Amino acid sequence: MANPQTTKPAMPPAHFGPGFRGGPPGQYRGPVDKAKNPIKTLLRVWQYFSNQKWFFIRAMFWTVVSTIASQLTGPMIIGWLINDLISPTPGKKLISYLLLLLLIHSLSSLATWRSSSIMVSVSQNILKRLRFDLFSHWQYIPVRYFDSVSHGDVMSRATNDMENINNALSTFVTQMMNS
């Protein structure tokens, strides 16, 4: 039996506070600010993409190489391998087909990696330019604005917006290239 003096009292259940639908506080931050003119906003964002067009072309090339290698050439070689195995003299070219299949899938993996690394570089370059433009914009905002608004609010808004853009770019750019 446990000694009653050494047993610890039960911890009360964790209280997360009055968040959105009973979740943690800060989960719901109020209405979302939407762009007043979405077409103008998309054109401004497109300017950041247009400077990266050569990277897009290179990434598209590697995506096409990966697709051809993995989804077209690979199954074709597997078909040859199966036809060779059911022939009267099975296994004649088995090793050469397996080596060719290994080479094709290695090429596909390398092309996928290269395409992904280029797209990560594109999204990071776009984010870098966005941060630079934001900082440049802050240089021209009157000081009275920073006096009237909490510094934490300004930094929180900028940080959260940049993080949301980063998440959107990293998923959008990769999905755009793969589709």
Protein backbone atom coordinates (compact mmCIF):
# COMPACT_ATOMS: atom_id res chain seq x y z
CA MET A 1 0.00 0.00 0.00
CA ALA A 2 1.15 3.49 -0.73
CA ASN A 3 1.93 5.80 2.13
CA PRO A 4 -0.80 8.47 2.26
CA GLN A 5 1.78 11.11 3.12
CA THR A 6 3.86 10.49 -0.06
CA THR A 7 1.06 10.29 -2.63
CA LYS A 8 0.68 13.37 -4.76
CA PRO A 9 -2.67 15.05 -5.06
CA ALA A 10 -4.39 14.66 -8.41
CA MET A 11 -3.70 17.49 -10.83
CA PRO A 12 -6.73 19.48 -11.86
CA PRO A 13 -7.63 19.17 -15.55
CA ALA A 14 -5.90 21.63 -17.83
CA HIS A 15 -7.96 24.72 -18.53
CA PHE A 16 -7.47 26.24 -21.92
CA GLY A 17 -9.60 29.29 -21.42
CA PRO A 18 -12.37 30.75 -23.49
CA GLY A 19 -11.05 30.11 -26.98
CA PHE A 20 -13.02 29.58 -30.15
CA ARG A 21 -15.31 26.55 -29.66
CA GLY A 22 -13.60 25.63 -26.41
CA GLY A 23 -10.13 25.51 -27.97
CA PRO A 24 -7.03 27.32 -26.78
CA PRO A 25 -7.23 31.10 -26.44
CA GLY A 26 -6.22 33.04 -29.50
CA GLN A 27 -7.59 30.42 -31.87
CA TYR A 28 -10.22 32.80 -33.22
CA ARG A 29 -8.95 36.29 -33.72
CA GLY A 30 -12.00 37.93 -35.16
CA PRO A 31 -12.97 38.65 -38.74
CA VAL A 32 -10.40 38.05 -41.46
CA ASP A 33 -9.25 41.08 -43.44
CA LYS A 34 -9.96 40.54 -47.10
CA ALA A 35 -8.44 42.36 -50.02
CA LYS A 36 -10.52 45.29 -51.19
CA ASN A 37 -9.57 44.64 -54.79
CA PRO A 38 -8.55 40.97 -55.24
CA ILE A 39 -7.57 41.38 -58.91
CA LYS A 40 -5.13 44.16 -58.03
CA THR A 41 -3.75 42.07 -55.17
CA LEU A 42 -3.22 39.04 -57.45
CA LEU A 43 -1.44 41.23 -60.00
CA ARG A 44 0.88 42.55 -57.28
CA VAL A 45 1.65 39.02 -56.14
CA TRP A 46 2.18 37.92 -59.74
CA GLN A 47 4.94 40.55 -60.09
CA TYR A 48 6.92 38.61 -57.49
CA PHE A 49 6.44 35.39 -59.46
CA SER A 50 7.31 36.96 -62.81
CA ASN A 51 10.88 37.65 -61.70
CA GLN A 52 11.37 33.93 -61.09
CA LYS A 53 10.27 32.69 -64.53
CA TRP A 54 13.58 30.99 -65.41
CA PHE A 55 13.46 29.04 -62.16
CA PHE A 56 9.93 27.96 -63.06
CA ILE A 57 11.10 26.77 -66.47
CA ARG A 58 13.94 24.76 -64.90
CA ALA A 59 11.61 23.27 -62.30
CA MET A 60 9.08 22.39 -65.02
CA PHE A 61 11.83 20.62 -66.99
CA TRP A 62 12.80 18.50 -63.96
CA THR A 63 9.14 17.76 -63.24
CA VAL A 64 8.63 16.53 -66.80
CA VAL A 65 11.79 14.38 -66.56
CA SER A 66 10.55 12.89 -63.28
CA THR A 67 7.10 12.19 -64.71
CA ILE A 68 8.46 10.56 -67.86
CA ALA A 69 10.89 8.44 -65.88
CA SER A 70 8.56 7.26 -63.16
CA GLN A 71 5.16 7.07 -64.82
CA LEU A 72 5.96 6.22 -68.43
CA THR A 73 9.33 4.54 -68.71
CA GLY A 74 9.19 2.56 -65.48
CA PRO A 75 5.98 0.64 -66.28
CA MET A 76 7.19 0.07 -69.84
CA ILE A 77 10.39 -1.60 -68.55
CA ILE A 78 8.36 -3.66 -66.08
CA GLY A 79 6.24 -4.86 -69.02
CA TRP A 80 9.40 -5.89 -70.89
CA LEU A 81 10.58 -7.69 -67.77
CA ILE A 82 7.32 -9.61 -67.43
CA ASN A 83 7.36 -10.52 -71.13
CA ASP A 84 10.92 -11.78 -70.73
CA LEU A 85 9.97 -13.89 -67.70
CA ILE A 86 7.11 -15.65 -69.51
CA SER A 87 9.18 -16.31 -72.65
CA PRO A 88 10.57 -19.81 -73.43
CA THR A 89 14.00 -18.79 -72.06
CA PRO A 90 13.10 -16.82 -68.92
CA GLY A 91 15.55 -14.59 -67.09
CA LYS A 92 17.85 -14.00 -70.03
CA LYS A 93 17.86 -10.22 -69.59
CA LEU A 94 16.60 -10.10 -66.01
CA ILE A 95 19.67 -8.35 -64.54
CA SER A 96 19.84 -5.77 -67.33
CA TYR A 97 16.12 -4.92 -66.93
CA LEU A 98 16.49 -4.61 -63.15
CA LEU A 99 19.54 -2.35 -63.51
CA LEU A 100 17.72 -0.24 -66.08
CA LEU A 101 14.72 -0.02 -63.74
CA LEU A 102 17.00 1.04 -60.88
CA LEU A 103 18.59 3.69 -63.09
CA ILE A 104 15.20 5.03 -64.22
CA HIS A 105 13.84 5.28 -60.68
CA SER A 106 17.07 6.89 -59.46
CA LEU A 107 16.76 9.47 -62.24
CA SER A 108 13.13 10.06 -61.28
CA SER A 109 14.07 10.58 -57.62
CA LEU A 110 16.89 12.95 -58.55
CA ALA A 111 14.62 14.96 -60.86
CA THR A 112 11.90 15.18 -58.19
CA TRP A 113 14.45 16.34 -55.62
CA ARG A 114 15.87 18.94 -58.03
CA SER A 115 12.44 20.27 -58.93
CA SER A 116 11.46 20.51 -55.26
CA SER A 117 14.70 22.27 -54.31
CA ILE A 118 14.23 24.81 -57.11
CA MET A 119 10.65 25.50 -56.00
CA VAL A 120 11.71 25.93 -52.37
CA SER A 121 14.33 28.39 -53.57
CA VAL A 122 11.69 30.27 -55.58
CA SER A 123 9.32 30.54 -52.63
CA GLN A 124 12.14 31.65 -50.31
CA ASN A 125 13.29 34.29 -52.82
CA ILE A 126 9.75 35.62 -53.15
CA LEU A 127 9.38 35.73 -49.38
CA LYS A 128 12.72 37.52 -49.06
CA ARG A 129 11.59 40.19 -51.52
CA LEU A 130 8.27 40.54 -49.72
CA ARG A 131 10.04 41.06 -46.39
CA PHE A 132 12.40 43.57 -47.94
CA ASP A 133 9.48 45.47 -49.49
CA LEU A 134 7.62 45.44 -46.18
CA PHE A 135 10.64 46.81 -44.34
CA SER A 136 11.12 49.47 -47.04
CA HIS A 137 7.46 50.42 -46.69
CA TRP A 138 7.85 50.75 -42.92
CA GLN A 139 10.61 53.29 -43.47
CA TYR A 140 8.12 55.74 -44.97
CA ILE A 141 5.30 55.30 -42.47
CA PRO A 142 5.01 58.32 -40.16
CA VAL A 143 6.25 57.85 -36.60
CA ARG A 144 2.85 58.84 -35.20
CA TYR A 145 1.45 55.57 -36.61
CA PHE A 146 3.93 53.55 -34.56
CA ASP A 147 3.14 55.72 -31.53
CA SER A 148 -0.59 55.04 -31.85
CA VAL A 149 -0.35 51.29 -32.50
CA SER A 150 1.21 48.79 -30.14
CA HIS A 151 4.62 47.56 -31.31
CA GLY A 152 3.58 43.99 -30.56
CA ASP A 153 0.52 44.36 -32.81
CA VAL A 154 2.62 45.64 -35.70
CA MET A 155 5.22 42.90 -35.34
CA SER A 156 2.62 40.19 -34.75
CA ARG A 157 0.66 41.21 -37.83
CA ALA A 158 3.76 41.31 -40.02
CA THR A 159 5.10 38.02 -38.68
CA ASN A 160 1.79 36.18 -38.99
CA ASP A 161 1.10 37.54 -42.47
CA MET A 162 4.57 36.58 -43.70
CA GLU A 163 4.21 33.11 -42.19
CA ASN A 164 0.82 32.66 -43.87
CA ILE A 165 2.29 33.78 -47.19
CA ASN A 166 5.21 31.38 -46.68
CA ASN A 167 2.86 28.46 -46.04
CA ALA A 168 0.71 29.36 -49.03
CA LEU A 169 3.71 29.75 -51.32
CA SER A 170 5.37 26.53 -50.29
CA THR A 171 2.23 24.49 -50.94
CA PHE A 172 0.92 26.45 -53.94
CA VAL A 173 4.15 26.56 -55.89
CA THR A 174 4.87 22.86 -55.40
CA GLN A 175 1.31 21.83 -56.27
CA MET A 176 1.29 24.10 -59.31
CA MET A 177 4.42 22.44 -60.68
CA ASN A 178 3.24 18.90 -59.97
CA SER A 179 -0.15 19.38 -61.61
